[in-house]
Amino acid sequence: MSDEHRADVTGFEGNPVIRTPHLDRLAQTGTVFRNAYTLCIPSRHSIMSGQFPCTTGCEKYGQDLPPGHMTFSRRLATGRKSSRCS
């Protein structure tokens, strides 16, 4: 996940060496937050589960999703022909 990148290691922020065409395209067509602070572990759990940190019980470092918690990757791994986000 791209939350591990510093802003200065992306093409859209002017780095002349590193190529980040997909991030550049996202930055060009979306919103770039230049002054944001997140806790990456709860944020990642929220992205994976589609739930708020207060719902998953993972609101700070060191907390994990319970074993077997449904995530989008787990859903895709079930082998169903179609999946949807709701």
PDB file of N, CA and C in Angstrom:
ATOM      1  N   MET A   1       0.841  -1.180   0.000  1.00  0.00           N
ATOM      2  CA  MET A   1       0.000   0.000   0.000  1.00  0.00           C
ATOM      3  C   MET A   1       0.881   1.236   0.000  1.00  0.00           C
ATOM      4  N   SER A   2       0.402   2.253  -0.600  1.00  0.00           N
ATOM      5  CA  SER A   2       1.233   3.431  -0.821  1.00  0.00           C
ATOM      6  C   SER A   2       1.358   4.351   0.382  1.00  0.00           C
ATOM      7  N   ASP A   3       0.763   4.020   1.499  1.00  0.00           N
ATOM      8  CA  ASP A   3       0.922   4.892   2.667  1.00  0.00           C
ATOM      9  C   ASP A   3       2.333   4.827   3.241  1.00  0.00           C
ATOM     10  N   GLU A   4       3.160   3.941   2.706  1.00  0.00           N
ATOM     11  CA  GLU A   4       4.532   3.831   3.179  1.00  0.00           C
ATOM     12  C   GLU A   4       5.490   4.742   2.414  1.00  0.00           C
ATOM     13  N   HIS A   5       4.992   5.435   1.407  1.00  0.00           N
ATOM     14  CA  HIS A   5       5.844   6.314   0.608  1.00  0.00           C
ATOM     15  C   HIS A   5       5.872   7.720   1.195  1.00  0.00           C
ATOM     16  N   ARG A   6       7.056   8.317   1.223  1.00  0.00           N
ATOM     17  CA  ARG A   6       7.146   9.737   1.538  1.00  0.00           C
ATOM     18  C   ARG A   6       6.739  10.502   0.286  1.00  0.00           C
ATOM     19  N   ALA A   7       6.250  11.702   0.469  1.00  0.00           N
ATOM     20  CA  ALA A   7       5.792  12.499  -0.681  1.00  0.00           C
ATOM     21  C   ALA A   7       6.908  12.782  -1.671  1.00  0.00           C
ATOM     22  N   ASP A   8       8.134  12.905  -1.189  1.00  0.00           N
ATOM     23  CA  ASP A   8       9.222  13.262  -2.102  1.00  0.00           C
ATOM     24  C   ASP A   8       9.726  12.089  -2.937  1.00  0.00           C
ATOM     25  N   VAL A   9       9.135  10.936  -2.793  1.00  0.00           N
ATOM     26  CA  VAL A   9       9.528   9.791  -3.630  1.00  0.00           C
ATOM     27  C   VAL A   9       8.406   9.441  -4.608  1.00  0.00           C
ATOM     28  N   THR A  10       7.727  10.461  -5.093  1.00  0.00           N
ATOM     29  CA  THR A  10       6.692  10.285  -6.102  1.00  0.00           C
ATOM     30  C   THR A  10       6.946  11.243  -7.253  1.00  0.00           C
ATOM     31  N   GLY A  11       6.585  10.825  -8.434  1.00  0.00           N
ATOM     32  CA  GLY A  11       6.755  11.668  -9.605  1.00  0.00           C
ATOM     33  C   GLY A  11       5.921  12.931  -9.542  1.00  0.00           C
ATOM     34  N   PHE A  12       4.692  12.831  -9.050  1.00  0.00           N
ATOM     35  CA  PHE A  12       3.809  14.005  -9.052  1.00  0.00           C
ATOM     36  C   PHE A  12       4.272  15.093  -8.091  1.00  0.00           C
ATOM     37  N   GLU A  13       5.152  14.767  -7.160  1.00  0.00           N
ATOM     38  CA  GLU A  13       5.717  15.784  -6.265  1.00  0.00           C
ATOM     39  C   GLU A  13       7.079  16.266  -6.751  1.00  0.00           C
ATOM     40  N   GLY A  14       7.471  15.840  -7.951  1.00  0.00           N
ATOM     41  CA  GLY A  14       8.661  16.397  -8.569  1.00  0.00           C
ATOM     42  C   GLY A  14       9.927  15.576  -8.510  1.00  0.00           C
ATOM     43  N   ASN A  15       9.876  14.331  -8.031  1.00  0.00           N
ATOM     44  CA  ASN A  15      11.087  13.512  -8.006  1.00  0.00           C
ATOM     45  C   ASN A  15      11.463  13.155  -9.440  1.00  0.00           C
ATOM     46  N   PRO A  16      12.663  13.527  -9.894  1.00  0.00           N
ATOM     47  CA  PRO A  16      13.045  13.295 -11.280  1.00  0.00           C
ATOM     48  C   PRO A  16      13.516  11.875 -11.584  1.00  0.00           C
ATOM     49  N   VAL A  17      13.747  11.076 -10.553  1.00  0.00           N
ATOM     50  CA  VAL A  17      14.306   9.734 -10.752  1.00  0.00           C
ATOM     51  C   VAL A  17      13.247   8.647 -10.646  1.00  0.00           C
ATOM     52  N   ILE A  18      12.422   8.733  -9.636  1.00  0.00           N
ATOM     53  CA  ILE A  18      11.450   7.665  -9.351  1.00  0.00           C
ATOM     54  C   ILE A  18      10.221   7.836 -10.241  1.00  0.00           C
ATOM     55  N   ARG A  19       9.803   6.739 -10.861  1.00  0.00           N
ATOM     56  CA  ARG A  19       8.626   6.763 -11.731  1.00  0.00           C
ATOM     57  C   ARG A  19       7.439   6.146 -10.997  1.00  0.00           C
ATOM     58  N   THR A  20       6.387   6.904 -10.872  1.00  0.00           N
ATOM     59  CA  THR A  20       5.159   6.432 -10.220  1.00  0.00           C
ATOM     60  C   THR A  20       3.952   6.788 -11.094  1.00  0.00           C
ATOM     61  N   PRO A  21       3.846   6.191 -12.282  1.00  0.00           N
ATOM     62  CA  PRO A  21       2.798   6.613 -13.221  1.00  0.00           C
ATOM     63  C   PRO A  21       1.379   6.436 -12.695  1.00  0.00           C
ATOM     64  N   HIS A  22       1.125   5.395 -11.947  1.00  0.00           N
ATOM     65  CA  HIS A  22      -0.239   5.176 -11.445  1.00  0.00           C
ATOM     66  C   HIS A  22      -0.581   6.182 -10.348  1.00  0.00           C
ATOM     67  N   LEU A  23       0.373   6.424  -9.442  1.00  0.00           N
ATOM     68  CA  LEU A  23       0.145   7.438  -8.411  1.00  0.00           C
ATOM     69  C   LEU A  23       0.034   8.826  -9.029  1.00  0.00           C
ATOM     70  N   ASP A  24       0.841   9.080 -10.058  1.00  0.00           N
ATOM     71  CA  ASP A  24       0.785  10.367 -10.753  1.00  0.00           C
ATOM     72  C   ASP A  24      -0.602  10.588 -11.353  1.00  0.00           C
ATOM     73  N   ARG A  25      -1.145   9.544 -11.973  1.00  0.00           N
ATOM     74  CA  ARG A  25      -2.472   9.637 -12.581  1.00  0.00           C
ATOM     75  C   ARG A  25      -3.539   9.866 -11.506  1.00  0.00           C
ATOM     76  N   LEU A  26      -3.426   9.158 -10.392  1.00  0.00           N
ATOM     77  CA  LEU A  26      -4.374   9.367  -9.290  1.00  0.00           C
ATOM     78  C   LEU A  26      -4.285  10.793  -8.759  1.00  0.00           C
ATOM     79  N   ALA A  27      -3.062  11.289  -8.602  1.00  0.00           N
ATOM     80  CA  ALA A  27      -2.878  12.653  -8.103  1.00  0.00           C
ATOM     81  C   ALA A  27      -3.432  13.679  -9.085  1.00  0.00           C
ATOM     82  N   GLN A  28      -3.304  13.394 -10.356  1.00  0.00           N
ATOM     83  CA  GLN A  28      -3.774  14.312 -11.392  1.00  0.00           C
ATOM     84  C   GLN A  28      -5.299  14.379 -11.455  1.00  0.00           C
ATOM     85  N   THR A  29      -5.952  13.258 -11.205  1.00  0.00           N
ATOM     86  CA  THR A  29      -7.407  13.204 -11.349  1.00  0.00           C
ATOM     87  C   THR A  29      -8.154  13.200 -10.022  1.00  0.00           C
ATOM     88  N   GLY A  30      -7.417  13.145  -8.916  1.00  0.00           N
ATOM     89  CA  GLY A  30      -8.062  13.072  -7.607  1.00  0.00           C
ATOM     90  C   GLY A  30      -7.628  14.196  -6.698  1.00  0.00           C
ATOM     91  N   THR A  31      -7.536  13.898  -5.427  1.00  0.00           N
ATOM     92  CA  THR A  31      -7.155  14.875  -4.409  1.00  0.00           C
ATOM     93  C   THR A  31      -5.881  14.408  -3.733  1.00  0.00           C
ATOM     94  N   VAL A  32      -4.941  15.313  -3.566  1.00  0.00           N
ATOM     95  CA  VAL A  32      -3.689  15.021  -2.874  1.00  0.00           C
ATOM     96  C   VAL A  32      -3.744  15.704  -1.520  1.00  0.00           C
ATOM     97  N   PHE A  33      -3.611  14.935  -0.457  1.00  0.00           N
ATOM     98  CA  PHE A  33      -3.593  15.480   0.891  1.00  0.00           C
ATOM     99  C   PHE A  33      -2.138  15.703   1.293  1.00  0.00           C
ATOM    100  N   ARG A  34      -1.737  16.940   1.375  1.00  0.00           N
ATOM    101  CA  ARG A  34      -0.340  17.252   1.674  1.00  0.00           C
ATOM    102  C   ARG A  34      -0.094  17.485   3.158  1.00  0.00           C
ATOM    103  N   ASN A  35      -1.136  17.566   3.938  1.00  0.00           N
ATOM    104  CA  ASN A  35      -0.981  17.810   5.364  1.00  0.00           C
ATOM    105  C   ASN A  35      -1.933  16.883   6.123  1.00  0.00           C
ATOM    106  N   ALA A  36      -1.711  15.601   5.989  1.00  0.00           N
ATOM    107  CA  ALA A  36      -2.598  14.614   6.610  1.00  0.00           C
ATOM    108  C   ALA A  36      -1.794  13.697   7.515  1.00  0.00           C
ATOM    109  N   TYR A  37      -2.446  13.203   8.532  1.00  0.00           N
ATOM    110  CA  TYR A  37      -1.801  12.282   9.469  1.00  0.00           C
ATOM    111  C   TYR A  37      -2.756  11.128   9.736  1.00  0.00           C
ATOM    112  N   THR A  38      -2.295   9.938   9.497  1.00  0.00           N
ATOM    113  CA  THR A  38      -3.117   8.767   9.793  1.00  0.00           C
ATOM    114  C   THR A  38      -2.284   7.747  10.539  1.00  0.00           C
ATOM    115  N   LEU A  39      -2.944   6.890  11.246  1.00  0.00           N
ATOM    116  CA  LEU A  39      -2.289   5.728  11.832  1.00  0.00           C
ATOM    117  C   LEU A  39      -2.425   4.618  10.820  1.00  0.00           C
ATOM    118  N   CYS A  40      -1.320   4.145  10.277  1.00  0.00           N
ATOM    119  CA  CYS A  40      -1.409   3.263   9.118  1.00  0.00           C
ATOM    120  C   CYS A  40      -2.056   1.915   9.438  1.00  0.00           C
ATOM    121  N   ILE A  41      -1.803   1.328  10.607  1.00  0.00           N
ATOM    122  CA  ILE A  41      -2.369   0.001  10.878  1.00  0.00           C
ATOM    123  C   ILE A  41      -3.893   0.060  10.969  1.00  0.00           C
ATOM    124  N   PRO A  42      -4.492   0.944  11.781  1.00  0.00           N
ATOM    125  CA  PRO A  42      -5.957   1.021  11.768  1.00  0.00           C
ATOM    126  C   PRO A  42      -6.512   1.400  10.399  1.00  0.00           C
ATOM    127  N   SER A  43      -5.806   2.270   9.683  1.00  0.00           N
ATOM    128  CA  SER A  43      -6.274   2.651   8.343  1.00  0.00           C
ATOM    129  C   SER A  43      -6.282   1.456   7.405  1.00  0.00           C
ATOM    130  N   ARG A  44      -5.225   0.666   7.455  1.00  0.00           N
ATOM    131  CA  ARG A  44      -5.165  -0.525   6.601  1.00  0.00           C
ATOM    132  C   ARG A  44      -6.269  -1.519   6.956  1.00  0.00           C
ATOM    133  N   HIS A  45      -6.509  -1.722   8.233  1.00  0.00           N
ATOM    134  CA  HIS A  45      -7.587  -2.630   8.629  1.00  0.00           C
ATOM    135  C   HIS A  45      -8.935  -2.117   8.136  1.00  0.00           C
ATOM    136  N   SER A  46      -9.131  -0.798   8.186  1.00  0.00           N
ATOM    137  CA  SER A  46     -10.383  -0.229   7.686  1.00  0.00           C
ATOM    138  C   SER A  46     -10.529  -0.438   6.192  1.00  0.00           C
ATOM    139  N   ILE A  47      -9.440  -0.232   5.451  1.00  0.00           N
ATOM    140  CA  ILE A  47      -9.473  -0.445   4.004  1.00  0.00           C
ATOM    141  C   ILE A  47      -9.788  -1.904   3.696  1.00  0.00           C
ATOM    142  N   MET A  48      -9.133  -2.809   4.397  1.00  0.00           N
ATOM    143  CA  MET A  48      -9.310  -4.238   4.129  1.00  0.00           C
ATOM    144  C   MET A  48     -10.705  -4.734   4.507  1.00  0.00           C
ATOM    145  N   SER A  49     -11.261  -4.194   5.601  1.00  0.00           N
ATOM    146  CA  SER A  49     -12.544  -4.708   6.080  1.00  0.00           C
ATOM    147  C   SER A  49     -13.738  -3.889   5.611  1.00  0.00           C
ATOM    148  N   GLY A  50     -13.487  -2.652   5.180  1.00  0.00           N
ATOM    149  CA  GLY A  50     -14.598  -1.787   4.801  1.00  0.00           C
ATOM    150  C   GLY A  50     -15.359  -1.269   6.000  1.00  0.00           C
ATOM    151  N   GLN A  51     -14.723  -1.257   7.160  1.00  0.00           N
ATOM    152  CA  GLN A  51     -15.370  -0.816   8.398  1.00  0.00           C
ATOM    153  C   GLN A  51     -14.518   0.241   9.091  1.00  0.00           C
ATOM    154  N   PHE A  52     -15.153   1.048   9.919  1.00  0.00           N
ATOM    155  CA  PHE A  52     -14.432   2.042  10.701  1.00  0.00           C
ATOM    156  C   PHE A  52     -13.584   1.361  11.777  1.00  0.00           C
ATOM    157  N   PRO A  53     -12.483   1.996  12.205  1.00  0.00           N
ATOM    158  CA  PRO A  53     -11.661   1.415  13.267  1.00  0.00           C
ATOM    159  C   PRO A  53     -12.454   1.106  14.542  1.00  0.00           C
ATOM    160  N   CYS A  54     -13.408   1.970  14.901  1.00  0.00           N
ATOM    161  CA  CYS A  54     -14.185   1.715  16.119  1.00  0.00           C
ATOM    162  C   CYS A  54     -15.057   0.471  15.973  1.00  0.00           C
ATOM    163  N   THR A  55     -15.394   0.099  14.748  1.00  0.00           N
ATOM    164  CA  THR A  55     -16.199  -1.106  14.507  1.00  0.00           C
ATOM    165  C   THR A  55     -15.341  -2.361  14.561  1.00  0.00           C
ATOM    166  N   THR A  56     -14.124  -2.267  14.017  1.00  0.00           N
ATOM    167  CA  THR A  56     -13.237  -3.439  14.002  1.00  0.00           C
ATOM    168  C   THR A  56     -12.543  -3.659  15.337  1.00  0.00           C
ATOM    169  N   GLY A  57     -12.513  -2.614  16.195  1.00  0.00           N
ATOM    170  CA  GLY A  57     -11.801  -2.735  17.470  1.00  0.00           C
ATOM    171  C   GLY A  57     -10.312  -2.490  17.328  1.00  0.00           C
ATOM    172  N   CYS A  58      -9.879  -2.036  16.167  1.00  0.00           N
ATOM    173  CA  CYS A  58      -8.466  -1.756  15.918  1.00  0.00           C
ATOM    174  C   CYS A  58      -8.314  -0.245  15.725  1.00  0.00           C
ATOM    175  N   GLU A  59      -8.022   0.447  16.826  1.00  0.00           N
ATOM    176  CA  GLU A  59      -7.939   1.902  16.766  1.00  0.00           C
ATOM    177  C   GLU A  59      -6.536   2.445  17.029  1.00  0.00           C
ATOM    178  N   LYS A  60      -5.583   1.580  17.329  1.00  0.00           N
ATOM    179  CA  LYS A  60      -4.219   2.050  17.566  1.00  0.00           C
ATOM    180  C   LYS A  60      -3.230   0.953  17.209  1.00  0.00           C
ATOM    181  N   TYR A  61      -1.955   1.306  17.226  1.00  0.00           N
ATOM    182  CA  TYR A  61      -0.916   0.330  16.907  1.00  0.00           C
ATOM    183  C   TYR A  61      -0.986  -0.859  17.862  1.00  0.00           C
ATOM    184  N   GLY A  62      -0.676  -2.028  17.340  1.00  0.00           N
ATOM    185  CA  GLY A  62      -0.640  -3.225  18.163  1.00  0.00           C
ATOM    186  C   GLY A  62      -1.951  -3.979  18.238  1.00  0.00           C
ATOM    187  N   GLN A  63      -3.001  -3.439  17.661  1.00  0.00           N
ATOM    188  CA  GLN A  63      -4.292  -4.125  17.651  1.00  0.00           C
ATOM    189  C   GLN A  63      -4.505  -4.722  16.267  1.00  0.00           C
ATOM    190  N   ASP A  64      -4.970  -5.947  16.229  1.00  0.00           N
ATOM    191  CA  ASP A  64      -5.209  -6.626  14.961  1.00  0.00           C
ATOM    192  C   ASP A  64      -6.674  -6.980  14.810  1.00  0.00           C
ATOM    193  N   LEU A  65      -7.052  -7.222  13.570  1.00  0.00           N
ATOM    194  CA  LEU A  65      -8.387  -7.751  13.321  1.00  0.00           C
ATOM    195  C   LEU A  65      -8.474  -9.142  13.940  1.00  0.00           C
ATOM    196  N   PRO A  66      -9.628  -9.513  14.448  1.00  0.00           N
ATOM    197  CA  PRO A  66      -9.772 -10.858  14.997  1.00  0.00           C
ATOM    198  C   PRO A  66      -9.540 -11.918  13.916  1.00  0.00           C
ATOM    199  N   PRO A  67      -9.033 -13.080  14.280  1.00  0.00           N
ATOM    200  CA  PRO A  67      -8.844 -14.150  13.290  1.00  0.00           C
ATOM    201  C   PRO A  67     -10.163 -14.451  12.571  1.00  0.00           C
ATOM    202  N   GLY A  68     -10.081 -14.567  11.274  1.00  0.00           N
ATOM    203  CA  GLY A  68     -11.261 -14.891  10.489  1.00  0.00           C
ATOM    204  C   GLY A  68     -12.137 -13.700  10.137  1.00  0.00           C
ATOM    205  N   HIS A  69     -11.745 -12.496  10.562  1.00  0.00           N
ATOM    206  CA  HIS A  69     -12.539 -11.300  10.250  1.00  0.00           C
ATOM    207  C   HIS A  69     -12.644 -11.163   8.732  1.00  0.00           C
ATOM    208  N   MET A  70     -13.831 -10.853   8.235  1.00  0.00           N
ATOM    209  CA  MET A  70     -14.030 -10.762   6.794  1.00  0.00           C
ATOM    210  C   MET A  70     -13.345  -9.524   6.236  1.00  0.00           C
ATOM    211  N   THR A  71     -12.507  -9.745   5.248  1.00  0.00           N
ATOM    212  CA  THR A  71     -11.844  -8.667   4.521  1.00  0.00           C
ATOM    213  C   THR A  71     -12.135  -8.857   3.040  1.00  0.00           C
ATOM    214  N   PHE A  72     -11.856  -7.832   2.244  1.00  0.00           N
ATOM    215  CA  PHE A  72     -12.141  -7.996   0.821  1.00  0.00           C
ATOM    216  C   PHE A  72     -11.240  -9.049   0.196  1.00  0.00           C
ATOM    217  N   SER A  73     -10.015  -9.193   0.659  1.00  0.00           N
ATOM    218  CA  SER A  73      -9.146 -10.230   0.092  1.00  0.00           C
ATOM    219  C   SER A  73      -9.624 -11.627   0.486  1.00  0.00           C
ATOM    220  N   ARG A  74     -10.132 -11.774   1.690  1.00  0.00           N
ATOM    221  CA  ARG A  74     -10.686 -13.067   2.108  1.00  0.00           C
ATOM    222  C   ARG A  74     -11.917 -13.401   1.264  1.00  0.00           C
ATOM    223  N   ARG A  75     -12.737 -12.367   1.012  1.00  0.00           N
ATOM    224  CA  ARG A  75     -13.939 -12.566   0.191  1.00  0.00           C
ATOM    225  C   ARG A  75     -13.545 -13.002  -1.223  1.00  0.00           C
ATOM    226  N   LEU A  76     -12.540 -12.334  -1.794  1.00  0.00           N
ATOM    227  CA  LEU A  76     -12.107 -12.700  -3.143  1.00  0.00           C
ATOM    228  C   LEU A  76     -11.501 -14.099  -3.175  1.00  0.00           C
ATOM    229  N   ALA A  77     -10.879 -14.518  -2.092  1.00  0.00           N
ATOM    230  CA  ALA A  77     -10.243 -15.837  -2.039  1.00  0.00           C
ATOM    231  C   ALA A  77     -11.256 -16.978  -1.950  1.00  0.00           C
ATOM    232  N   THR A  78     -12.515 -16.660  -1.686  1.00  0.00           N
ATOM    233  CA  THR A  78     -13.518 -17.717  -1.589  1.00  0.00           C
ATOM    234  C   THR A  78     -13.814 -18.349  -2.941  1.00  0.00           C
ATOM    235  N   GLY A  79     -13.370 -17.685  -4.018  1.00  0.00           N
ATOM    236  CA  GLY A  79     -13.538 -18.261  -5.342  1.00  0.00           C
ATOM    237  C   GLY A  79     -14.881 -18.026  -5.979  1.00  0.00           C
ATOM    238  N   ARG A  80     -15.673 -17.157  -5.394  1.00  0.00           N
ATOM    239  CA  ARG A  80     -16.958 -16.843  -6.006  1.00  0.00           C
ATOM    240  C   ARG A  80     -16.733 -16.118  -7.320  1.00  0.00           C
ATOM    241  N   LYS A  81     -17.657 -16.286  -8.215  1.00  0.00           N
ATOM    242  CA  LYS A  81     -17.551 -15.650  -9.528  1.00  0.00           C
ATOM    243  C   LYS A  81     -17.714 -14.140  -9.450  1.00  0.00           C
ATOM    244  N   SER A  82     -18.504 -13.650  -8.482  1.00  0.00           N
ATOM    245  CA  SER A  82     -18.717 -12.211  -8.383  1.00  0.00           C
ATOM    246  C   SER A  82     -18.697 -11.794  -6.917  1.00  0.00           C
ATOM    247  N   SER A  83     -18.179 -10.653  -6.695  1.00  0.00           N
ATOM    248  CA  SER A  83     -18.157 -10.038  -5.364  1.00  0.00           C
ATOM    249  C   SER A  83     -18.591  -8.609  -5.524  1.00  0.00           C
ATOM    250  N   ARG A  84     -19.186  -8.056  -4.502  1.00  0.00           N
ATOM    251  CA  ARG A  84     -19.579  -6.651  -4.556  1.00  0.00           C
ATOM    252  C   ARG A  84     -19.284  -5.993  -3.227  1.00  0.00           C
ATOM    253  N   CYS A  85     -19.025  -4.738  -3.282  1.00  0.00           N
ATOM    254  CA  CYS A  85     -18.816  -3.943  -2.077  1.00  0.00           C
ATOM    255  C   CYS A  85     -20.140  -3.329  -1.701  1.00  0.00           C
ATOM    256  N   SER A  86     -20.453  -3.358  -0.438  1.00  0.00           N
ATOM    257  CA  SER A  86     -21.690  -2.711  -0.007  1.00  0.00           C
ATOM    258  C   SER A  86     -21.456  -1.904   1.235  1.00  0.00           C
TER     259      SER A  86
END
